[in-house]
Structure formats: C-alpha cells, structure tokens
Amino acid sequence: MLPDMTTITSGNTVYTPPVAKVMISMPDDLLDRLDAQARANRETRSGFLRRLAERELQSGEARRRKEIEDLLGPPVPLGGDAAKLIREDRESH
C-alpha cells in the first residue's frame, strides 16, 4: 500500500507532494544528447536533469564561498593563551 501523501498520475508515475512537475523548452538536438546521456547512465531524464541541476547549484555555492574566502584572506591562526596575548599587546604600547 502506498503512503497517504503519494499521488499516482497517468502512466503510474508516482509523485510525492514535495516533487513538482515542470515543463521546459530546449532544442531537439540538445534533448537528444541529454536523453542519450541519461540512458548511458541508466537514469531517467528527470533524474539526470535533477542531478545536473543539483551539481550546478552546489558548484555555484562553492564558487561563492571561495570568492568570500579569497576576499577575507587566510585564516588567522588561533590558539595559545588569549589572556597572555592581550597582556603582551597592552605591554607593547
């Protein structure tokens, strides 16, 4: 028996509420290449597109993190006795 939140659409494709169906447009030759790659990977078209989208989004997030880290510079090494460092700083002025 299927869980209550499962929806079966025509063709017996099962969708759960957090999954949306979308319609996109792309050139036929790109769709042919996409389908060939999905078949070669033993994936569905939807699964292949989901994986590509997730990878692209993660890559963008990683690029943004790297840009921020580059702007901030290398991390300042922490450690030692903070009170001692503060005392030495005070005494140096």
N, C-alpha and C. Protein backbone atom coordinates (compact mmCIF):
# COMPACT_ATOMS: atom_id res chain seq x y z
N MET A 1 0.83 -1.18 0.00
CA MET A 1 0.00 0.00 0.00
C MET A 1 0.88 1.25 0.00
N LEU A 2 0.50 2.25 -0.76
CA LEU A 2 1.26 3.49 -0.87
C LEU A 2 0.93 4.43 0.29
N PRO A 3 1.92 5.24 0.73
CA PRO A 3 1.64 6.21 1.79
C PRO A 3 0.55 7.18 1.35
N ASP A 4 -0.16 7.76 2.31
CA ASP A 4 -1.27 8.67 2.03
C ASP A 4 -0.87 9.86 1.17
N MET A 5 0.37 10.38 1.30
CA MET A 5 0.75 11.58 0.59
C MET A 5 1.23 11.30 -0.83
N THR A 6 1.18 10.06 -1.30
CA THR A 6 1.63 9.72 -2.64
C THR A 6 0.52 9.96 -3.64
N THR A 7 0.88 10.49 -4.79
CA THR A 7 -0.06 10.73 -5.86
C THR A 7 0.37 9.91 -7.07
N ILE A 8 -0.55 9.16 -7.64
CA ILE A 8 -0.25 8.41 -8.85
C ILE A 8 -0.89 9.15 -10.01
N THR A 9 -0.07 9.46 -11.01
CA THR A 9 -0.57 10.16 -12.19
C THR A 9 -0.74 9.16 -13.31
N SER A 10 -1.22 9.62 -14.44
CA SER A 10 -1.37 8.71 -15.57
C SER A 10 -0.03 8.10 -15.90
N GLY A 11 -0.02 6.86 -16.29
CA GLY A 11 1.23 6.16 -16.55
C GLY A 11 1.83 5.57 -15.30
N ASN A 12 1.13 5.63 -14.19
CA ASN A 12 1.59 5.08 -12.92
C ASN A 12 2.89 5.70 -12.40
N THR A 13 3.17 6.92 -12.81
CA THR A 13 4.32 7.63 -12.26
C THR A 13 3.93 8.12 -10.87
N VAL A 14 4.79 7.87 -9.90
CA VAL A 14 4.48 8.22 -8.52
C VAL A 14 5.20 9.52 -8.15
N TYR A 15 4.44 10.49 -7.64
CA TYR A 15 4.99 11.75 -7.17
C TYR A 15 4.55 11.95 -5.73
N THR A 16 5.44 12.45 -4.92
CA THR A 16 5.07 12.83 -3.56
C THR A 16 4.94 14.35 -3.55
N PRO A 17 4.21 14.92 -2.62
CA PRO A 17 3.95 16.37 -2.61
C PRO A 17 5.17 17.27 -2.74
N PRO A 18 6.35 16.93 -2.20
CA PRO A 18 7.46 17.87 -2.37
C PRO A 18 8.07 17.86 -3.78
N VAL A 19 7.51 17.07 -4.69
CA VAL A 19 8.05 16.99 -6.05
C VAL A 19 7.11 17.74 -6.99
N ALA A 20 7.67 18.66 -7.79
CA ALA A 20 6.88 19.41 -8.75
C ALA A 20 7.19 18.94 -10.15
N LYS A 21 6.20 18.95 -11.01
CA LYS A 21 6.40 18.68 -12.42
C LYS A 21 6.58 20.02 -13.11
N VAL A 22 7.56 20.10 -14.00
CA VAL A 22 7.81 21.34 -14.72
C VAL A 22 7.89 21.05 -16.22
N MET A 23 7.61 22.07 -17.00
CA MET A 23 7.75 21.95 -18.44
C MET A 23 8.84 22.93 -18.86
N ILE A 24 9.81 22.45 -19.64
CA ILE A 24 10.89 23.31 -20.12
C ILE A 24 10.97 23.18 -21.64
N SER A 25 11.60 24.14 -22.26
CA SER A 25 11.82 24.12 -23.71
C SER A 25 13.31 24.06 -23.97
N MET A 26 13.69 23.23 -24.96
CA MET A 26 15.08 23.15 -25.38
C MET A 26 15.14 22.65 -26.81
N PRO A 27 16.20 22.94 -27.51
CA PRO A 27 16.34 22.46 -28.88
C PRO A 27 16.33 20.93 -28.94
N ASP A 28 15.79 20.39 -30.03
CA ASP A 28 15.70 18.93 -30.18
C ASP A 28 17.05 18.24 -30.08
N ASP A 29 18.08 18.84 -30.69
CA ASP A 29 19.39 18.19 -30.65
C ASP A 29 19.93 18.11 -29.23
N LEU A 30 19.67 19.13 -28.42
CA LEU A 30 20.11 19.09 -27.02
C LEU A 30 19.34 18.03 -26.25
N LEU A 31 18.04 17.93 -26.50
CA LEU A 31 17.23 16.91 -25.84
C LEU A 31 17.70 15.51 -26.23
N ASP A 32 18.05 15.32 -27.50
CA ASP A 32 18.56 14.02 -27.95
C ASP A 32 19.85 13.66 -27.22
N ARG A 33 20.74 14.63 -27.09
CA ARG A 33 22.01 14.38 -26.39
C ARG A 33 21.77 14.09 -24.91
N LEU A 34 20.85 14.85 -24.32
CA LEU A 34 20.51 14.67 -22.91
C LEU A 34 19.95 13.26 -22.68
N ASP A 35 19.00 12.86 -23.53
CA ASP A 35 18.40 11.53 -23.39
C ASP A 35 19.44 10.42 -23.59
N ALA A 36 20.34 10.60 -24.55
CA ALA A 36 21.38 9.59 -24.78
C ALA A 36 22.27 9.45 -23.56
N GLN A 37 22.64 10.58 -22.96
CA GLN A 37 23.50 10.52 -21.77
C GLN A 37 22.76 9.91 -20.59
N ALA A 38 21.49 10.25 -20.43
CA ALA A 38 20.70 9.67 -19.34
C ALA A 38 20.62 8.15 -19.50
N ARG A 39 20.36 7.70 -20.73
CA ARG A 39 20.31 6.24 -20.99
C ARG A 39 21.65 5.60 -20.69
N ALA A 40 22.74 6.24 -21.13
CA ALA A 40 24.08 5.69 -20.88
C ALA A 40 24.36 5.58 -19.38
N ASN A 41 23.79 6.51 -18.62
CA ASN A 41 23.97 6.49 -17.15
C ASN A 41 22.94 5.62 -16.45
N ARG A 42 22.02 5.03 -17.24
CA ARG A 42 20.92 4.23 -16.69
C ARG A 42 20.06 5.06 -15.73
N GLU A 43 19.79 6.30 -16.16
CA GLU A 43 18.97 7.22 -15.39
C GLU A 43 17.75 7.61 -16.22
N THR A 44 16.75 8.09 -15.53
CA THR A 44 15.64 8.70 -16.24
C THR A 44 16.05 10.11 -16.65
N ARG A 45 15.32 10.68 -17.59
CA ARG A 45 15.58 12.06 -17.99
C ARG A 45 15.44 12.98 -16.78
N SER A 46 14.38 12.79 -16.01
CA SER A 46 14.16 13.63 -14.83
C SER A 46 15.29 13.48 -13.81
N GLY A 47 15.70 12.25 -13.57
CA GLY A 47 16.78 12.02 -12.62
C GLY A 47 18.08 12.65 -13.07
N PHE A 48 18.36 12.54 -14.36
CA PHE A 48 19.57 13.14 -14.91
C PHE A 48 19.53 14.66 -14.78
N LEU A 49 18.40 15.28 -15.14
CA LEU A 49 18.28 16.74 -15.01
C LEU A 49 18.35 17.19 -13.56
N ARG A 50 17.74 16.43 -12.65
CA ARG A 50 17.83 16.77 -11.22
C ARG A 50 19.27 16.77 -10.75
N ARG A 51 20.00 15.71 -11.15
CA ARG A 51 21.40 15.59 -10.73
C ARG A 51 22.24 16.74 -11.30
N LEU A 52 22.03 17.07 -12.57
CA LEU A 52 22.77 18.18 -13.17
C LEU A 52 22.46 19.51 -12.49
N ALA A 53 21.18 19.75 -12.21
CA ALA A 53 20.78 20.99 -11.54
C ALA A 53 21.40 21.08 -10.15
N GLU A 54 21.35 20.00 -9.41
CA GLU A 54 21.92 20.00 -8.05
C GLU A 54 23.42 20.24 -8.10
N ARG A 55 24.10 19.59 -9.04
CA ARG A 55 25.55 19.76 -9.17
C ARG A 55 25.89 21.20 -9.52
N GLU A 56 25.14 21.81 -10.43
CA GLU A 56 25.38 23.20 -10.83
C GLU A 56 25.15 24.15 -9.66
N LEU A 57 24.08 23.93 -8.91
CA LEU A 57 23.79 24.79 -7.77
C LEU A 57 24.88 24.65 -6.70
N GLN A 58 25.32 23.44 -6.43
CA GLN A 58 26.38 23.23 -5.44
C GLN A 58 27.68 23.86 -5.91
N SER A 59 27.97 23.76 -7.20
CA SER A 59 29.18 24.35 -7.75
C SER A 59 29.15 25.87 -7.59
N GLY A 60 27.99 26.48 -7.86
CA GLY A 60 27.86 27.92 -7.68
C GLY A 60 28.05 28.33 -6.24
N GLU A 61 27.50 27.54 -5.32
CA GLU A 61 27.67 27.84 -3.90
C GLU A 61 29.13 27.73 -3.50
N ALA A 62 29.81 26.72 -4.01
CA ALA A 62 31.24 26.54 -3.70
C ALA A 62 32.06 27.70 -4.25
N ARG A 63 31.73 28.16 -5.47
CA ARG A 63 32.44 29.31 -6.05
C ARG A 63 32.25 30.55 -5.20
N ARG A 64 31.02 30.78 -4.74
CA ARG A 64 30.76 31.96 -3.90
C ARG A 64 31.52 31.87 -2.58
N ARG A 65 31.54 30.68 -1.97
CA ARG A 65 32.31 30.51 -0.72
C ARG A 65 33.79 30.80 -0.95
N LYS A 66 34.33 30.29 -2.07
CA LYS A 66 35.75 30.51 -2.38
C LYS A 66 36.02 31.99 -2.59
N GLU A 67 35.13 32.69 -3.31
CA GLU A 67 35.31 34.13 -3.53
C GLU A 67 35.33 34.88 -2.20
N ILE A 68 34.45 34.52 -1.30
CA ILE A 68 34.41 35.17 0.01
C ILE A 68 35.67 34.87 0.80
N GLU A 69 36.10 33.61 0.77
CA GLU A 69 37.33 33.24 1.49
C GLU A 69 38.53 33.98 0.92
N ASP A 70 38.57 34.12 -0.43
CA ASP A 70 39.67 34.85 -1.05
C ASP A 70 39.67 36.32 -0.63
N LEU A 71 38.48 36.92 -0.53
CA LEU A 71 38.38 38.31 -0.10
C LEU A 71 38.79 38.49 1.35
N LEU A 72 38.45 37.52 2.18
CA LEU A 72 38.78 37.62 3.61
C LEU A 72 40.24 37.32 3.89
N GLY A 73 40.89 36.61 3.00
CA GLY A 73 42.29 36.27 3.20
C GLY A 73 42.43 35.00 4.03
N PRO A 74 43.67 34.61 4.26
CA PRO A 74 43.90 33.37 5.00
C PRO A 74 43.41 33.49 6.45
N PRO A 75 42.99 32.38 7.01
CA PRO A 75 42.52 32.44 8.40
C PRO A 75 43.66 32.81 9.35
N VAL A 76 43.29 33.54 10.37
CA VAL A 76 44.26 33.92 11.39
C VAL A 76 44.40 32.75 12.35
N PRO A 77 45.63 32.30 12.55
CA PRO A 77 45.80 31.16 13.46
C PRO A 77 45.40 31.56 14.89
N LEU A 78 44.58 30.74 15.47
CA LEU A 78 44.15 30.96 16.85
C LEU A 78 44.78 29.90 17.73
N GLY A 79 44.90 30.22 18.95
CA GLY A 79 45.46 29.25 19.87
C GLY A 79 46.26 29.97 20.93
N GLY A 80 46.77 29.21 21.82
CA GLY A 80 47.56 29.79 22.89
C GLY A 80 46.66 30.39 23.95
N ASP A 81 47.28 31.13 24.80
CA ASP A 81 46.59 31.74 25.93
C ASP A 81 46.14 33.14 25.55
N ALA A 82 44.84 33.34 25.38
CA ALA A 82 44.30 34.63 24.96
C ALA A 82 44.69 35.73 25.95
N ALA A 83 44.60 35.44 27.23
CA ALA A 83 44.93 36.46 28.24
C ALA A 83 46.40 36.89 28.10
N LYS A 84 47.26 35.93 27.84
CA LYS A 84 48.69 36.23 27.69
C LYS A 84 48.91 37.13 26.47
N LEU A 85 48.23 36.82 25.36
CA LEU A 85 48.37 37.62 24.15
C LEU A 85 47.88 39.04 24.37
N ILE A 86 46.77 39.20 25.08
CA ILE A 86 46.24 40.54 25.36
C ILE A 86 47.21 41.31 26.24
N ARG A 87 47.74 40.65 27.26
CA ARG A 87 48.69 41.29 28.16
C ARG A 87 49.93 41.75 27.40
N GLU A 88 50.46 40.88 26.52
CA GLU A 88 51.65 41.25 25.74
C GLU A 88 51.35 42.43 24.83
N ASP A 89 50.15 42.45 24.26
CA ASP A 89 49.77 43.56 23.39
C ASP A 89 49.70 44.87 24.18
N ARG A 90 49.09 44.80 25.38
CA ARG A 90 48.99 46.01 26.21
C ARG A 90 50.38 46.53 26.60
N GLU A 91 51.26 45.61 26.96
CA GLU A 91 52.58 46.00 27.42
C GLU A 91 53.46 46.53 26.30
N SER A 92 53.11 46.19 25.06
CA SER A 92 53.93 46.65 23.92
C SER A 92 53.63 48.09 23.53
N HIS A 93 52.57 48.69 24.08
CA HIS A 93 52.20 50.08 23.73
C HIS A 93 52.66 51.04 24.77
